Amino acid sequence: MKKIAFISTAIVLVILGRLWLGVYHHDEFAETHLFIKHRPTWKWTFYSPIGMSDKKVEDLSIEQKKEQLLFEEFISSKGMSK
């Protein structure tokens, strides 16, 4: 019984960690940081396709636009990656 409870607790903690924690690649420096998300999402890794270039969101592909918007929501708007 204790083994089942331990395994169940471990599984729940892993799922919660995946939903509420993430890593982002700094858009200027070659660094990776762990952070707490402001809302749960299954996405784990965040990066900026634009980075420090002069590109605009309109210049990106659909997938890159999604990545950039998520980066702005979860990282830039929270004052990280500055």
N, C-alpha and C. Protein backbone atom coordinates (compact mmCIF):
# COMPACT_ATOMS: atom_id res chain seq x y z
N MET A 1 0.82 -1.19 0.00
CA MET A 1 0.00 0.00 0.00
C MET A 1 0.87 1.26 0.00
N LYS A 2 1.95 1.26 0.79
CA LYS A 2 2.83 2.42 0.86
C LYS A 2 3.53 2.65 -0.48
N LYS A 3 3.87 1.56 -1.15
CA LYS A 3 4.55 1.66 -2.44
C LYS A 3 3.63 2.32 -3.48
N ILE A 4 2.37 1.93 -3.48
CA ILE A 4 1.41 2.51 -4.41
C ILE A 4 1.22 4.00 -4.12
N ALA A 5 1.13 4.36 -2.85
CA ALA A 5 0.97 5.76 -2.48
C ALA A 5 2.20 6.56 -2.89
N PHE A 6 3.39 6.01 -2.71
CA PHE A 6 4.62 6.69 -3.08
C PHE A 6 4.68 6.91 -4.59
N ILE A 7 4.37 5.87 -5.35
CA ILE A 7 4.40 5.96 -6.81
C ILE A 7 3.35 6.96 -7.31
N SER A 8 2.16 6.91 -6.73
CA SER A 8 1.11 7.85 -7.12
C SER A 8 1.52 9.29 -6.83
N THR A 9 2.08 9.52 -5.67
CA THR A 9 2.55 10.86 -5.30
C THR A 9 3.64 11.33 -6.25
N ALA A 10 4.57 10.44 -6.57
CA ALA A 10 5.65 10.79 -7.48
C ALA A 10 5.12 11.16 -8.86
N ILE A 11 4.16 10.42 -9.35
CA ILE A 11 3.57 10.69 -10.66
C ILE A 11 2.86 12.05 -10.66
N VAL A 12 2.10 12.32 -9.61
CA VAL A 12 1.40 13.61 -9.50
C VAL A 12 2.40 14.76 -9.46
N LEU A 13 3.49 14.61 -8.70
CA LEU A 13 4.50 15.66 -8.61
C LEU A 13 5.20 15.90 -9.95
N VAL A 14 5.47 14.85 -10.68
CA VAL A 14 6.09 15.00 -12.00
C VAL A 14 5.15 15.74 -12.95
N ILE A 15 3.89 15.40 -12.95
CA ILE A 15 2.92 16.07 -13.82
C ILE A 15 2.78 17.54 -13.43
N LEU A 16 2.67 17.82 -12.13
CA LEU A 16 2.57 19.21 -11.68
C LEU A 16 3.82 20.00 -12.02
N GLY A 17 4.98 19.37 -11.88
CA GLY A 17 6.22 20.03 -12.25
C GLY A 17 6.26 20.36 -13.73
N ARG A 18 5.81 19.44 -14.54
CA ARG A 18 5.79 19.67 -15.99
C ARG A 18 4.83 20.80 -16.35
N LEU A 19 3.70 20.87 -15.67
CA LEU A 19 2.71 21.91 -15.97
C LEU A 19 3.13 23.29 -15.48
N TRP A 20 3.80 23.38 -14.33
CA TRP A 20 4.08 24.67 -13.70
C TRP A 20 5.53 25.13 -13.80
N LEU A 21 6.43 24.28 -14.25
CA LEU A 21 7.83 24.67 -14.42
C LEU A 21 8.20 24.65 -15.89
N GLY A 22 9.21 25.41 -16.25
CA GLY A 22 9.68 25.43 -17.63
C GLY A 22 11.10 25.94 -17.67
N VAL A 23 11.71 25.83 -18.82
CA VAL A 23 13.04 26.39 -19.04
C VAL A 23 12.96 27.31 -20.25
N TYR A 24 13.74 28.39 -20.20
CA TYR A 24 13.80 29.26 -21.35
C TYR A 24 15.24 29.54 -21.70
N HIS A 25 15.46 29.73 -22.98
CA HIS A 25 16.78 30.07 -23.51
C HIS A 25 16.82 31.59 -23.64
N HIS A 26 17.75 32.20 -22.94
CA HIS A 26 17.89 33.65 -22.97
C HIS A 26 18.11 34.09 -24.40
N ASP A 27 17.41 35.15 -24.82
CA ASP A 27 17.49 35.56 -26.23
C ASP A 27 18.75 36.35 -26.57
N GLU A 28 19.52 36.77 -25.57
CA GLU A 28 20.76 37.49 -25.86
C GLU A 28 22.00 36.68 -25.48
N PHE A 29 21.96 36.05 -24.34
CA PHE A 29 23.10 35.29 -23.84
C PHE A 29 22.82 33.79 -24.00
N ALA A 30 23.84 33.01 -24.11
CA ALA A 30 23.67 31.56 -24.28
C ALA A 30 23.46 30.91 -22.92
N GLU A 31 22.33 31.20 -22.30
CA GLU A 31 22.01 30.66 -20.98
C GLU A 31 20.62 30.04 -20.99
N THR A 32 20.45 29.05 -20.16
CA THR A 32 19.15 28.41 -19.98
C THR A 32 18.75 28.58 -18.53
N HIS A 33 17.49 28.97 -18.31
CA HIS A 33 17.00 29.23 -16.96
C HIS A 33 15.72 28.45 -16.67
N LEU A 34 15.61 27.96 -15.45
CA LEU A 34 14.39 27.32 -14.97
C LEU A 34 13.49 28.42 -14.42
N PHE A 35 12.19 28.34 -14.68
CA PHE A 35 11.27 29.34 -14.15
C PHE A 35 9.93 28.71 -13.83
N ILE A 36 9.12 29.46 -13.06
CA ILE A 36 7.77 29.03 -12.71
C ILE A 36 6.80 29.75 -13.65
N LYS A 37 5.94 28.99 -14.30
CA LYS A 37 4.99 29.56 -15.25
C LYS A 37 3.85 30.25 -14.49
N HIS A 38 3.25 31.26 -15.11
CA HIS A 38 2.14 31.96 -14.48
C HIS A 38 0.80 31.23 -14.68
N ARG A 39 0.78 30.30 -15.60
CA ARG A 39 -0.39 29.43 -15.80
C ARG A 39 0.12 28.08 -16.28
N PRO A 40 -0.63 27.03 -16.02
CA PRO A 40 -0.14 25.70 -16.43
C PRO A 40 -0.22 25.51 -17.94
N THR A 41 0.82 24.91 -18.47
CA THR A 41 0.86 24.52 -19.88
C THR A 41 1.84 23.36 -20.00
N TRP A 42 1.58 22.47 -20.93
CA TRP A 42 2.43 21.30 -21.09
C TRP A 42 3.78 21.66 -21.71
N LYS A 43 3.86 22.83 -22.37
CA LYS A 43 5.10 23.26 -23.02
C LYS A 43 6.20 23.39 -21.97
N TRP A 44 7.39 22.87 -22.29
CA TRP A 44 8.50 22.86 -21.34
C TRP A 44 9.58 23.88 -21.71
N THR A 45 9.96 23.94 -22.99
CA THR A 45 11.06 24.80 -23.43
C THR A 45 10.53 26.00 -24.19
N PHE A 46 11.01 27.19 -23.82
CA PHE A 46 10.60 28.42 -24.45
C PHE A 46 11.83 29.11 -25.04
N TYR A 47 11.69 29.65 -26.23
CA TYR A 47 12.79 30.39 -26.85
C TYR A 47 12.20 31.46 -27.77
N SER A 48 13.01 32.44 -28.12
CA SER A 48 12.58 33.52 -28.99
C SER A 48 13.18 33.33 -30.38
N PRO A 49 12.36 33.04 -31.39
CA PRO A 49 12.90 32.91 -32.75
C PRO A 49 13.49 34.23 -33.26
N ILE A 50 13.00 35.34 -32.76
CA ILE A 50 13.53 36.64 -33.17
C ILE A 50 14.87 36.91 -32.50
N GLY A 51 14.97 36.56 -31.23
CA GLY A 51 16.20 36.81 -30.50
C GLY A 51 16.51 38.29 -30.45
N MET A 52 17.73 38.66 -30.74
CA MET A 52 18.14 40.06 -30.71
C MET A 52 18.22 40.66 -32.12
N SER A 53 17.63 39.98 -33.09
CA SER A 53 17.67 40.48 -34.47
C SER A 53 16.63 41.59 -34.66
N ASP A 54 16.63 42.17 -35.84
CA ASP A 54 15.68 43.23 -36.17
C ASP A 54 14.40 42.70 -36.82
N LYS A 55 14.23 41.39 -36.82
CA LYS A 55 13.02 40.81 -37.42
C LYS A 55 11.79 41.26 -36.64
N LYS A 56 10.66 41.17 -37.32
CA LYS A 56 9.37 41.46 -36.71
C LYS A 56 8.56 40.16 -36.70
N VAL A 57 7.55 40.10 -35.87
CA VAL A 57 6.71 38.91 -35.78
C VAL A 57 6.09 38.58 -37.14
N GLU A 58 5.77 39.59 -37.92
CA GLU A 58 5.17 39.38 -39.24
C GLU A 58 6.11 38.64 -40.19
N ASP A 59 7.43 38.71 -39.95
CA ASP A 59 8.42 38.07 -40.82
C ASP A 59 8.59 36.58 -40.52
N LEU A 60 7.97 36.09 -39.47
CA LEU A 60 8.17 34.71 -39.03
C LEU A 60 7.16 33.76 -39.65
N SER A 61 7.51 32.47 -39.66
CA SER A 61 6.56 31.44 -40.10
C SER A 61 5.50 31.28 -39.01
N ILE A 62 4.47 30.53 -39.30
CA ILE A 62 3.38 30.33 -38.33
C ILE A 62 3.89 29.69 -37.05
N GLU A 63 4.73 28.66 -37.17
CA GLU A 63 5.29 28.00 -35.97
C GLU A 63 6.17 28.96 -35.17
N GLN A 64 6.99 29.73 -35.86
CA GLN A 64 7.85 30.68 -35.18
C GLN A 64 7.05 31.78 -34.50
N LYS A 65 5.94 32.19 -35.11
CA LYS A 65 5.06 33.19 -34.49
C LYS A 65 4.50 32.66 -33.18
N LYS A 66 4.07 31.39 -33.19
CA LYS A 66 3.54 30.78 -31.96
C LYS A 66 4.61 30.76 -30.88
N GLU A 67 5.82 30.36 -31.25
CA GLU A 67 6.93 30.33 -30.29
C GLU A 67 7.22 31.72 -29.73
N GLN A 68 7.25 32.71 -30.61
CA GLN A 68 7.55 34.07 -30.18
C GLN A 68 6.46 34.61 -29.25
N LEU A 69 5.20 34.37 -29.59
CA LEU A 69 4.12 34.84 -28.73
C LEU A 69 4.14 34.16 -27.37
N LEU A 70 4.44 32.87 -27.33
CA LEU A 70 4.56 32.18 -26.05
C LEU A 70 5.75 32.71 -25.25
N PHE A 71 6.87 32.99 -25.92
CA PHE A 71 8.03 33.55 -25.25
C PHE A 71 7.68 34.91 -24.65
N GLU A 72 6.98 35.73 -25.41
CA GLU A 72 6.59 37.04 -24.90
C GLU A 72 5.63 36.92 -23.72
N GLU A 73 4.67 35.99 -23.80
CA GLU A 73 3.70 35.82 -22.70
C GLU A 73 4.37 35.31 -21.43
N PHE A 74 5.19 34.27 -21.55
CA PHE A 74 5.72 33.61 -20.36
C PHE A 74 7.03 34.22 -19.88
N ILE A 75 7.82 34.81 -20.74
CA ILE A 75 9.17 35.27 -20.36
C ILE A 75 9.27 36.79 -20.38
N SER A 76 9.13 37.40 -21.54
CA SER A 76 9.34 38.84 -21.68
C SER A 76 8.38 39.66 -20.83
N SER A 77 7.11 39.30 -20.84
CA SER A 77 6.11 40.09 -20.09
C SER A 77 6.30 39.98 -18.59
N LYS A 78 7.04 38.99 -18.13
CA LYS A 78 7.27 38.79 -16.70
C LYS A 78 8.61 39.39 -16.26
N GLY A 79 9.29 40.09 -17.16
CA GLY A 79 10.53 40.76 -16.82
C GLY A 79 11.76 39.87 -16.85
N MET A 80 11.62 38.66 -17.35
CA MET A 80 12.77 37.77 -17.48
C MET A 80 13.41 38.01 -18.85
N SER A 81 14.59 37.51 -19.06
CA SER A 81 15.33 37.61 -20.32
C SER A 81 15.60 39.05 -20.71
N LYS A 82 16.01 39.84 -19.71
CA LYS A 82 16.39 41.24 -20.00
C LYS A 82 17.86 41.42 -19.76
